[in-house]
């Protein structure tokens, strides 16, 4: 199961066409013929949908809908299976639900299973003792991406080098196998080596050339 952030509705077809194939290729490198079932879910917070309880007695102490509220009818997409989940209790103001769009579900999970899993995951974010508004895999991906910027080499002009990872992700299927391998090598080369004093404390042991 994959939770993907930062994808607009207009990019759904590209994600299905390119990223799912990339996941398949990555699985094939682990073991020939390895083809696990994939459930691919896009997570979005940048929308204008807001929910309010019809009766005051149904609201929480801040006037918002209770945590765990799910909306999967009437206002959802007519083609994709999607739903809105308000997983966190509001602290101040109007709570904003998270929009989940299931692009692929080869595991054939039921509607209730996906919604319950998404809600339960919001309780296990390691950096917070409260329920969060987005599934933790998305938060962890943001942390990894933000930390990776501190390990890239700085160009002669003092500006960071081009984000090769982003370049690879935007090429889709236009890049051949050799070109993709060269681009991946360039991406790895863009990262500075880890100091010897930190190699065995912060990072797992790696072989040095």
C-alpha atoms as a PDB file:
ATOM      1  CA  UNK A   1       0.000   0.000   0.000  1.00  0.00           C
ATOM      2  CA  UNK A   2       1.336   3.406  -1.027  1.00  0.00           C
ATOM      3  CA  UNK A   3       0.199   6.818   0.144  1.00  0.00           C
ATOM      4  CA  UNK A   4       1.218   9.526  -2.333  1.00  0.00           C
ATOM      5  CA  UNK A   5       1.127  13.240  -1.604  1.00  0.00           C
ATOM      6  CA  UNK A   6       1.490  16.250  -3.883  1.00  0.00           C
ATOM      7  CA  UNK A   7      -0.564  14.982  -6.833  1.00  0.00           C
ATOM      8  CA  UNK A   8      -3.359  17.004  -8.378  1.00  0.00           C
ATOM      9  CA  UNK A   9      -6.347  15.444 -10.075  1.00  0.00           C
ATOM     10  CA  UNK A  10      -4.939  16.287 -13.485  1.00  0.00           C
ATOM     11  CA  UNK A  11      -1.848  14.192 -12.749  1.00  0.00           C
ATOM     12  CA  UNK A  12      -3.675  11.002 -11.808  1.00  0.00           C
ATOM     13  CA  UNK A  13      -3.272   9.442 -15.267  1.00  0.00           C
ATOM     14  CA  UNK A  14       0.458  10.218 -15.310  1.00  0.00           C
ATOM     15  CA  UNK A  15       0.930   8.704 -11.852  1.00  0.00           C
ATOM     16  CA  UNK A  16      -0.851   5.504 -12.837  1.00  0.00           C
ATOM     17  CA  UNK A  17       1.088   5.303 -16.103  1.00  0.00           C
ATOM     18  CA  UNK A  18       4.584   6.062 -14.794  1.00  0.00           C
ATOM     19  CA  UNK A  19       4.902   5.636 -11.040  1.00  0.00           C
ATOM     20  CA  UNK A  20       3.062   2.336 -10.839  1.00  0.00           C
ATOM     21  CA  UNK A  21       5.372   0.979 -13.543  1.00  0.00           C
ATOM     22  CA  UNK A  22       8.362   2.255 -11.585  1.00  0.00           C
ATOM     23  CA  UNK A  23       7.124   0.409  -8.499  1.00  0.00           C
ATOM     24  CA  UNK A  24       6.740  -2.757 -10.557  1.00  0.00           C
ATOM     25  CA  UNK A  25      10.296  -2.407 -11.843  1.00  0.00           C
ATOM     26  CA  UNK A  26      11.614  -1.869  -8.312  1.00  0.00           C
ATOM     27  CA  UNK A  27       9.851  -5.028  -7.115  1.00  0.00           C
ATOM     28  CA  UNK A  28      11.352  -6.950 -10.022  1.00  0.00           C
ATOM     29  CA  UNK A  29      14.855  -5.966  -8.898  1.00  0.00           C
ATOM     30  CA  UNK A  30      14.216  -7.577  -5.507  1.00  0.00           C
ATOM     31  CA  UNK A  31      13.234 -10.913  -6.985  1.00  0.00           C
ATOM     32  CA  UNK A  32      12.513 -11.982 -10.526  1.00  0.00           C
ATOM     33  CA  UNK A  33       8.787 -12.480 -10.981  1.00  0.00           C
ATOM     34  CA  UNK A  34       7.968 -10.688  -7.733  1.00  0.00           C
ATOM     35  CA  UNK A  35       4.703  -8.874  -8.419  1.00  0.00           C
ATOM     36  CA  UNK A  36       2.868  -7.927  -5.229  1.00  0.00           C
ATOM     37  CA  UNK A  37      -0.606  -6.477  -5.244  1.00  0.00           C
ATOM     38  CA  UNK A  38      -0.564  -2.695  -5.062  1.00  0.00           C
ATOM     39  CA  UNK A  39      -2.989  -0.295  -3.441  1.00  0.00           C
ATOM     40  CA  UNK A  40      -2.102   3.272  -4.446  1.00  0.00           C
ATOM     41  CA  UNK A  41      -3.770   6.140  -2.598  1.00  0.00           C
ATOM     42  CA  UNK A  42      -3.311   9.848  -3.262  1.00  0.00           C
ATOM     43  CA  UNK A  43      -3.573  12.097  -0.201  1.00  0.00           C
ATOM     44  CA  UNK A  44      -4.523  15.763  -0.519  1.00  0.00           C
ATOM     45  CA  UNK A  45      -5.138  18.609   1.903  1.00  0.00           C
ATOM     46  CA  UNK A  46      -5.259  21.474  -0.591  1.00  0.00           C
ATOM     47  CA  UNK A  47      -8.962  21.665  -1.252  1.00  0.00           C
ATOM     48  CA  UNK A  48     -11.899  23.786  -0.154  1.00  0.00           C
ATOM     49  CA  UNK A  49     -14.218  21.131   1.307  1.00  0.00           C
ATOM     50  CA  UNK A  50     -15.320  21.763   4.879  1.00  0.00           C
ATOM     51  CA  UNK A  51     -17.834  19.856   6.975  1.00  0.00           C
ATOM     52  CA  UNK A  52     -20.110  21.077   9.725  1.00  0.00           C
ATOM     53  CA  UNK A  53     -22.454  19.053  11.960  1.00  0.00           C
ATOM     54  CA  UNK A  54     -26.132  19.573  11.239  1.00  0.00           C
ATOM     55  CA  UNK A  55     -26.929  19.610  14.957  1.00  0.00           C
ATOM     56  CA  UNK A  56     -24.947  21.243  17.726  1.00  0.00           C
ATOM     57  CA  UNK A  57     -25.221  18.125  19.858  1.00  0.00           C
ATOM     58  CA  UNK A  58     -23.276  16.212  17.175  1.00  0.00           C
ATOM     59  CA  UNK A  59     -20.315  18.607  17.273  1.00  0.00           C
ATOM     60  CA  UNK A  60     -17.191  18.405  19.392  1.00  0.00           C
ATOM     61  CA  UNK A  61     -16.167  21.098  21.856  1.00  0.00           C
ATOM     62  CA  UNK A  62     -14.830  23.366  19.075  1.00  0.00           C
ATOM     63  CA  UNK A  63     -17.959  23.048  16.935  1.00  0.00           C
ATOM     64  CA  UNK A  64     -16.354  20.739  14.381  1.00  0.00           C
ATOM     65  CA  UNK A  65     -17.409  17.283  13.284  1.00  0.00           C
ATOM     66  CA  UNK A  66     -16.060  14.563  15.594  1.00  0.00           C
ATOM     67  CA  UNK A  67     -12.753  12.896  14.779  1.00  0.00           C
ATOM     68  CA  UNK A  68     -13.273   9.883  12.556  1.00  0.00           C
ATOM     69  CA  UNK A  69     -15.978  11.489  10.409  1.00  0.00           C
ATOM     70  CA  UNK A  70     -15.971  10.071   6.855  1.00  0.00           C
ATOM     71  CA  UNK A  71     -17.783  11.451   3.800  1.00  0.00           C
ATOM     72  CA  UNK A  72     -17.828   9.131   0.776  1.00  0.00           C
ATOM     73  CA  UNK A  73     -21.080  10.023  -0.994  1.00  0.00           C
ATOM     74  CA  UNK A  74     -22.689  12.933  -2.857  1.00  0.00           C
ATOM     75  CA  UNK A  75     -19.668  15.278  -3.116  1.00  0.00           C
ATOM     76  CA  UNK A  76     -17.036  12.734  -4.147  1.00  0.00           C
ATOM     77  CA  UNK A  77     -15.589  12.109  -7.620  1.00  0.00           C
ATOM     78  CA  UNK A  78     -17.937  10.440 -10.131  1.00  0.00           C
ATOM     79  CA  UNK A  79     -15.199   8.186 -11.580  1.00  0.00           C
ATOM     80  CA  UNK A  80     -12.442   7.626  -9.005  1.00  0.00           C
ATOM     81  CA  UNK A  81     -13.158   6.059  -5.662  1.00  0.00           C
ATOM     82  CA  UNK A  82     -12.386   8.722  -3.077  1.00  0.00           C
ATOM     83  CA  UNK A  83     -13.474   9.865   0.358  1.00  0.00           C
ATOM     84  CA  UNK A  84     -12.891  12.630   2.887  1.00  0.00           C
ATOM     85  CA  UNK A  85     -11.631  11.727   6.348  1.00  0.00           C
ATOM     86  CA  UNK A  86     -11.611  14.071   9.311  1.00  0.00           C
ATOM     87  CA  UNK A  87      -9.235  12.076  11.481  1.00  0.00           C
ATOM     88  CA  UNK A  88      -8.138  14.698  14.022  1.00  0.00           C
ATOM     89  CA  UNK A  89     -10.113  16.660  16.616  1.00  0.00           C
ATOM     90  CA  UNK A  90     -10.094  20.387  15.937  1.00  0.00           C
ATOM     91  CA  UNK A  91      -8.171  22.620  18.332  1.00  0.00           C
ATOM     92  CA  UNK A  92      -9.172  25.995  16.932  1.00  0.00           C
ATOM     93  CA  UNK A  93     -11.171  27.156  13.943  1.00  0.00           C
ATOM     94  CA  UNK A  94     -12.665  24.906  11.284  1.00  0.00           C
ATOM     95  CA  UNK A  95     -11.031  21.536  10.772  1.00  0.00           C
ATOM     96  CA  UNK A  96      -9.963  20.659   7.253  1.00  0.00           C
ATOM     97  CA  UNK A  97     -10.556  17.039   6.214  1.00  0.00           C
ATOM     98  CA  UNK A  98      -8.045  15.035   4.204  1.00  0.00           C
ATOM     99  CA  UNK A  99      -9.040  13.867   0.734  1.00  0.00           C
ATOM    100  CA  UNK A 100      -8.061  10.290  -0.169  1.00  0.00           C
ATOM    101  CA  UNK A 101      -8.275   9.069  -3.777  1.00  0.00           C
ATOM    102  CA  UNK A 102      -7.731   5.373  -4.448  1.00  0.00           C
ATOM    103  CA  UNK A 103      -6.224   5.056  -7.923  1.00  0.00           C
ATOM    104  CA  UNK A 104      -5.412   1.345  -7.811  1.00  0.00           C
ATOM    105  CA  UNK A 105      -6.565  -1.356  -5.410  1.00  0.00           C
ATOM    106  CA  UNK A 106      -5.297  -4.761  -6.485  1.00  0.00           C
ATOM    107  CA  UNK A 107      -5.698  -6.040  -2.928  1.00  0.00           C
ATOM    108  CA  UNK A 108      -9.459  -5.620  -3.324  1.00  0.00           C
ATOM    109  CA  UNK A 109      -9.865  -4.085   0.101  1.00  0.00           C
ATOM    110  CA  UNK A 110     -13.337  -3.133   1.154  1.00  0.00           C
ATOM    111  CA  UNK A 111     -14.386   0.482   1.518  1.00  0.00           C
ATOM    112  CA  UNK A 112     -14.573   0.180   5.282  1.00  0.00           C
ATOM    113  CA  UNK A 113     -11.136  -1.460   5.487  1.00  0.00           C
ATOM    114  CA  UNK A 114      -9.352   1.361   3.648  1.00  0.00           C
ATOM    115  CA  UNK A 115     -11.133   4.039   5.640  1.00  0.00           C
ATOM    116  CA  UNK A 116     -10.501   2.291   8.963  1.00  0.00           C
ATOM    117  CA  UNK A 117      -6.831   1.688   8.137  1.00  0.00           C
ATOM    118  CA  UNK A 118      -6.316   5.323   7.153  1.00  0.00           C
ATOM    119  CA  UNK A 119      -7.965   6.503  10.355  1.00  0.00           C
ATOM    120  CA  UNK A 120      -6.035   4.094  12.564  1.00  0.00           C
ATOM    121  CA  UNK A 121      -2.717   5.074  10.991  1.00  0.00           C
ATOM    122  CA  UNK A 122      -3.343   8.676  12.025  1.00  0.00           C
ATOM    123  CA  UNK A 123      -3.000   7.525  15.659  1.00  0.00           C
ATOM    124  CA  UNK A 124       0.558   6.167  15.352  1.00  0.00           C
ATOM    125  CA  UNK A 125       2.613   9.155  14.190  1.00  0.00           C
ATOM    126  CA  UNK A 126       5.804   8.964  16.269  1.00  0.00           C
ATOM    127  CA  UNK A 127       6.321  12.729  16.542  1.00  0.00           C
ATOM    128  CA  UNK A 128       2.942  13.540  18.023  1.00  0.00           C
ATOM    129  CA  UNK A 129       0.963  12.226  20.979  1.00  0.00           C
ATOM    130  CA  UNK A 130      -2.332  13.308  19.406  1.00  0.00           C
ATOM    131  CA  UNK A 131      -4.207  12.117  16.342  1.00  0.00           C
ATOM    132  CA  UNK A 132      -2.840  13.789  13.205  1.00  0.00           C
ATOM    133  CA  UNK A 133      -4.736  14.915  10.131  1.00  0.00           C
ATOM    134  CA  UNK A 134      -2.734  12.961   7.514  1.00  0.00           C
ATOM    135  CA  UNK A 135      -1.495   9.373   7.521  1.00  0.00           C
ATOM    136  CA  UNK A 136       2.055   9.209   8.968  1.00  0.00           C
ATOM    137  CA  UNK A 137       3.708   7.772   5.802  1.00  0.00           C
ATOM    138  CA  UNK A 138       3.107  11.151   4.158  1.00  0.00           C
ATOM    139  CA  UNK A 139       4.655  13.018   7.094  1.00  0.00           C
ATOM    140  CA  UNK A 140       7.683  10.710   7.062  1.00  0.00           C
ATOM    141  CA  UNK A 141       8.138  11.213   3.310  1.00  0.00           C
ATOM    142  CA  UNK A 142       8.170  14.980   3.886  1.00  0.00           C
ATOM    143  CA  UNK A 143      10.821  14.594   6.592  1.00  0.00           C
ATOM    144  CA  UNK A 144      13.035  12.428   4.379  1.00  0.00           C
ATOM    145  CA  UNK A 145      12.721  14.852   1.471  1.00  0.00           C
ATOM    146  CA  UNK A 146      13.521  17.839   3.669  1.00  0.00           C
ATOM    147  CA  UNK A 147      16.514  16.110   5.231  1.00  0.00           C
ATOM    148  CA  UNK A 148      17.876  15.000   1.855  1.00  0.00           C
ATOM    149  CA  UNK A 149      18.361  18.632   0.861  1.00  0.00           C
ATOM    150  CA  UNK A 150      21.031  19.021   3.534  1.00  0.00           C
ATOM    151  CA  UNK A 151      23.082  16.208   2.006  1.00  0.00           C
ATOM    152  CA  UNK A 152      23.215  17.442  -1.584  1.00  0.00           C
ATOM    153  CA  UNK A 153      26.393  19.044  -2.835  1.00  0.00           C
ATOM    154  CA  UNK A 154      26.549  22.807  -3.330  1.00  0.00           C
ATOM    155  CA  UNK A 155      27.461  24.093  -6.775  1.00  0.00           C
ATOM    156  CA  UNK A 156      30.235  26.573  -7.532  1.00  0.00           C
ATOM    157  CA  UNK A 157      27.753  29.442  -7.525  1.00  0.00           C
ATOM    158  CA  UNK A 158      26.713  28.593  -3.982  1.00  0.00           C
ATOM    159  CA  UNK A 159      23.299  27.337  -5.092  1.00  0.00           C
ATOM    160  CA  UNK A 160      22.210  23.724  -4.586  1.00  0.00           C
ATOM    161  CA  UNK A 161      22.626  21.430  -7.554  1.00  0.00           C
ATOM    162  CA  UNK A 162      19.593  20.471  -9.616  1.00  0.00           C
ATOM    163  CA  UNK A 163      17.294  17.990  -7.953  1.00  0.00           C
ATOM    164  CA  UNK A 164      18.032  14.918 -10.019  1.00  0.00           C
ATOM    165  CA  UNK A 165      15.386  12.887  -8.212  1.00  0.00           C
ATOM    166  CA  UNK A 166      12.716  15.326  -9.354  1.00  0.00           C
ATOM    167  CA  UNK A 167      14.071  15.232 -12.886  1.00  0.00           C
ATOM    168  CA  UNK A 168      13.815  11.458 -12.994  1.00  0.00           C
ATOM    169  CA  UNK A 169      10.276  11.507 -11.651  1.00  0.00           C
ATOM    170  CA  UNK A 170       9.096  13.981 -14.284  1.00  0.00           C
ATOM    171  CA  UNK A 171      10.485  12.161 -17.304  1.00  0.00           C
ATOM    172  CA  UNK A 172       7.837   9.442 -17.269  1.00  0.00           C
ATOM    173  CA  UNK A 173       8.438   6.731 -19.874  1.00  0.00           C
ATOM    174  CA  UNK A 174      10.461   8.905 -22.266  1.00  0.00           C
ATOM    175  CA  UNK A 175      13.762   7.828 -20.688  1.00  0.00           C
ATOM    176  CA  UNK A 176      15.468   4.636 -21.838  1.00  0.00           C
ATOM    177  CA  UNK A 177      17.011   2.057 -19.532  1.00  0.00           C
ATOM    178  CA  UNK A 178      20.589   3.310 -19.987  1.00  0.00           C
ATOM    179  CA  UNK A 179      19.522   6.927 -19.623  1.00  0.00           C
ATOM    180  CA  UNK A 180      17.547   6.140 -16.480  1.00  0.00           C
ATOM    181  CA  UNK A 181      20.548   4.318 -14.984  1.00  0.00           C
ATOM    182  CA  UNK A 182      22.831   7.251 -15.803  1.00  0.00           C
ATOM    183  CA  UNK A 183      20.349   9.692 -14.272  1.00  0.00           C
ATOM    184  CA  UNK A 184      20.133   7.558 -11.137  1.00  0.00           C
ATOM    185  CA  UNK A 185      23.943   7.483 -10.861  1.00  0.00           C
ATOM    186  CA  UNK A 186      24.006  11.273 -11.229  1.00  0.00           C
ATOM    187  CA  UNK A 187      21.404  11.586  -8.484  1.00  0.00           C
ATOM    188  CA  UNK A 188      23.473   9.423  -6.111  1.00  0.00           C
ATOM    189  CA  UNK A 189      26.665  11.333  -6.988  1.00  0.00           C
ATOM    190  CA  UNK A 190      24.948  14.607  -6.072  1.00  0.00           C
ATOM    191  CA  UNK A 191      24.963  13.627  -2.397  1.00  0.00           C
ATOM    192  CA  UNK A 192      27.977  14.400  -0.275  1.00  0.00           C
ATOM    193  CA  UNK A 193      29.680  11.527   1.608  1.00  0.00           C
ATOM    194  CA  UNK A 194      28.797  11.049   5.243  1.00  0.00           C
ATOM    195  CA  UNK A 195      31.478  11.943   7.770  1.00  0.00           C
ATOM    196  CA  UNK A 196      33.261   8.854   9.160  1.00  0.00           C
ATOM    197  CA  UNK A 197      32.264   9.776  12.720  1.00  0.00           C
ATOM    198  CA  UNK A 198      28.580   9.562  11.774  1.00  0.00           C
ATOM    199  CA  UNK A 199      28.565   6.595   9.429  1.00  0.00           C
ATOM    200  CA  UNK A 200      27.875   4.054  12.168  1.00  0.00           C
ATOM    201  CA  UNK A 201      25.725   6.199  14.430  1.00  0.00           C
ATOM    202  CA  UNK A 202      23.257   8.073  12.229  1.00  0.00           C
ATOM    203  CA  UNK A 203      23.414   5.907   9.109  1.00  0.00           C
ATOM    204  CA  UNK A 204      23.671   2.169   8.524  1.00  0.00           C
ATOM    205  CA  UNK A 205      27.151   0.871   7.570  1.00  0.00           C
ATOM    206  CA  UNK A 206      27.923   1.242   3.859  1.00  0.00           C
ATOM    207  CA  UNK A 207      30.809   0.123   1.703  1.00  0.00           C
ATOM    208  CA  UNK A 208      33.212   2.849   0.624  1.00  0.00           C
ATOM    209  CA  UNK A 209      34.805   2.887  -2.835  1.00  0.00           C
END
